[in-house]
Protein backbone atom coordinates (compact mmCIF):
# COMPACT_ATOMS: atom_id res chain seq x y z
CA UNK A 1 0.00 0.00 0.00
CA UNK A 2 1.36 3.41 -0.97
CA UNK A 3 0.91 6.56 1.11
CA UNK A 4 1.43 10.25 0.47
CA UNK A 5 1.07 13.46 2.44
CA UNK A 6 -1.88 15.75 1.86
CA UNK A 7 -1.33 19.50 2.11
CA UNK A 8 -2.73 19.51 5.65
CA UNK A 9 -0.19 16.88 6.77
CA UNK A 10 -2.54 13.88 6.86
CA UNK A 11 -1.38 10.68 5.21
CA UNK A 12 -3.61 9.26 2.48
CA UNK A 13 -3.20 5.78 1.04
CA UNK A 14 -4.05 3.63 -1.94
CA UNK A 15 -3.28 0.29 -3.54
CA UNK A 16 -2.68 -0.04 -7.28
CA UNK A 17 -3.05 -3.31 -9.20
CA UNK A 18 -2.95 -4.27 -12.87
CA UNK A 19 -1.61 -2.60 -15.98
CA UNK A 20 -3.11 -0.23 -18.48
CA UNK A 21 -5.04 3.02 -18.29
CA UNK A 22 -5.67 4.22 -14.73
CA UNK A 23 -9.10 3.91 -13.07
CA UNK A 24 -9.43 5.33 -9.55
CA UNK A 25 -11.75 3.05 -7.58
CA UNK A 26 -13.76 4.87 -4.89
CA UNK A 27 -15.59 2.57 -2.44
CA UNK A 28 -19.03 2.86 -0.95
CA UNK A 29 -19.61 3.78 2.60
CA UNK A 30 -18.69 6.15 3.97
CA UNK A 31 -15.95 4.41 5.85
CA UNK A 32 -15.68 1.29 3.71
CA UNK A 33 -12.26 -0.27 3.24
CA UNK A 34 -11.61 -0.35 -0.52
CA UNK A 35 -9.67 -3.62 -0.35
CA UNK A 36 -12.67 -5.44 1.07
CA UNK A 37 -15.25 -3.46 -0.93
CA UNK A 38 -13.61 -4.18 -4.28
CA UNK A 39 -12.13 -7.60 -3.38
CA UNK A 40 -13.65 -9.27 -6.45
CA UNK A 41 -13.67 -6.26 -8.79
CA UNK A 42 -11.08 -6.68 -11.51
CA UNK A 43 -10.98 -4.71 -14.73
CA UNK A 44 -8.66 -6.59 -17.12
CA UNK A 45 -6.53 -4.24 -19.17
CA UNK A 46 -6.72 -1.41 -16.61
CA UNK A 47 -4.58 -0.25 -13.73
CA UNK A 48 -6.97 -0.05 -10.79
CA UNK A 49 -6.09 2.31 -7.96
CA UNK A 50 -8.08 1.56 -4.80
CA UNK A 51 -8.20 4.85 -2.91
CA UNK A 52 -8.54 4.63 0.88
CA UNK A 53 -10.86 7.39 2.10
CA UNK A 54 -10.16 9.40 5.24
CA UNK A 55 -9.94 7.10 8.24
CA UNK A 56 -9.69 3.83 6.26
CA UNK A 57 -6.69 1.73 5.25
CA UNK A 58 -3.60 3.74 6.11
CA UNK A 59 -5.35 7.06 5.48
CA UNK A 60 -5.49 9.34 8.50
CA UNK A 61 -8.83 10.60 9.73
CA UNK A 62 -9.53 14.33 9.58
CA UNK A 63 -8.77 16.27 12.77
CA UNK A 64 -12.49 16.93 13.47
CA UNK A 65 -15.73 15.10 12.71
CA UNK A 66 -16.86 17.81 10.29
CA UNK A 67 -13.96 16.64 8.09
CA UNK A 68 -16.18 13.74 7.05
CA UNK A 69 -18.16 15.85 4.60
CA UNK A 70 -18.49 15.54 0.86
CA UNK A 71 -16.27 18.56 0.16
CA UNK A 72 -13.45 17.09 2.25
CA UNK A 73 -13.63 13.73 0.53
CA UNK A 74 -13.65 15.45 -2.89
CA UNK A 75 -10.61 17.52 -1.83
CA UNK A 76 -8.79 14.25 -1.07
CA UNK A 77 -9.43 13.07 -4.64
CA UNK A 78 -7.76 16.26 -5.87
CA UNK A 79 -4.84 15.60 -3.49
CA UNK A 80 -4.55 12.14 -5.07
CA UNK A 81 -4.62 13.54 -8.61
CA UNK A 82 -1.90 16.01 -7.72
CA UNK A 83 0.18 13.29 -6.06
CA UNK A 84 -0.12 11.09 -9.16
CA UNK A 85 0.80 14.07 -11.36
CA UNK A 86 -2.17 13.16 -13.56
CA UNK A 87 -3.85 15.71 -15.80
CA UNK A 88 -7.20 13.93 -15.57
CA UNK A 89 -8.71 10.97 -13.74
CA UNK A 90 -11.14 8.24 -14.64
CA UNK A 91 -13.26 7.71 -11.52
CA UNK A 92 -15.23 4.60 -10.57
CA UNK A 93 -17.50 5.73 -7.73
CA UNK A 94 -19.76 3.30 -5.94
CA UNK A 95 -22.66 4.24 -3.66
CA UNK A 96 -21.55 7.09 -1.34
CA UNK A 97 -18.48 7.64 -3.47
CA UNK A 98 -20.57 8.04 -6.62
CA UNK A 99 -21.81 11.21 -4.92
CA UNK A 100 -18.22 12.21 -4.08
CA UNK A 101 -17.21 11.65 -7.73
CA UNK A 102 -20.04 13.96 -8.82
CA UNK A 103 -18.94 16.63 -6.32
CA UNK A 104 -15.34 16.29 -7.50
CA UNK A 105 -16.40 16.61 -11.15
CA UNK A 106 -18.44 19.69 -10.33
CA UNK A 107 -15.48 21.31 -8.54
CA UNK A 108 -12.84 20.18 -11.08
CA UNK A 109 -14.56 19.50 -14.42
CA UNK A 110 -11.37 19.75 -16.44
CA UNK A 111 -9.72 17.11 -14.25
CA UNK A 112 -12.22 14.32 -15.00
CA UNK A 113 -11.76 12.21 -18.11
CA UNK A 114 -14.53 9.68 -17.43
CA UNK A 115 -16.76 8.57 -14.60
CA UNK A 116 -18.42 5.26 -13.85
CA UNK A 117 -21.08 5.80 -11.18
CA UNK A 118 -22.73 2.80 -9.56
CA UNK A 119 -25.62 2.85 -7.06
CA UNK A 120 -25.36 6.61 -6.57
CA UNK A 121 -27.65 9.60 -6.74
CA UNK A 122 -28.77 11.11 -10.04
CA UNK A 123 -27.44 14.59 -9.21
CA UNK A 124 -25.87 16.59 -6.44
CA UNK A 125 -26.46 20.16 -5.39
CA UNK A 126 -25.01 22.56 -2.87
CA UNK A 127 -26.93 21.33 0.16
CA UNK A 128 -24.94 18.08 0.15
CA UNK A 129 -21.45 19.48 -0.39
CA UNK A 130 -20.94 21.46 2.81
């Protein structure tokens, strides 16, 4: 499992498997461990990066409970993109993280190449992002 430092000093982690174009796998939850959540999910021909949300895997929790909001999770995706030095990301968001992927795409539309959203909401608006 790889880790990196976010701008606020927290450690965030992920596990990458496979070869090919990158797909960032965002688990359901909140609070789901991506290794367990995606245990049987394999995309042949793709490099899958299982991102560990705040407080899961080796990712540090935020310093306060209000850090577990959609905007904070979406900011962590941008931290990951910056760490990977990627121009754009393909996001696979499941359940709760489908909503996070939508919030990230709204905040950073030029940074999203593609999205696969599973079991999520149809749209997101400001009342959910705070």
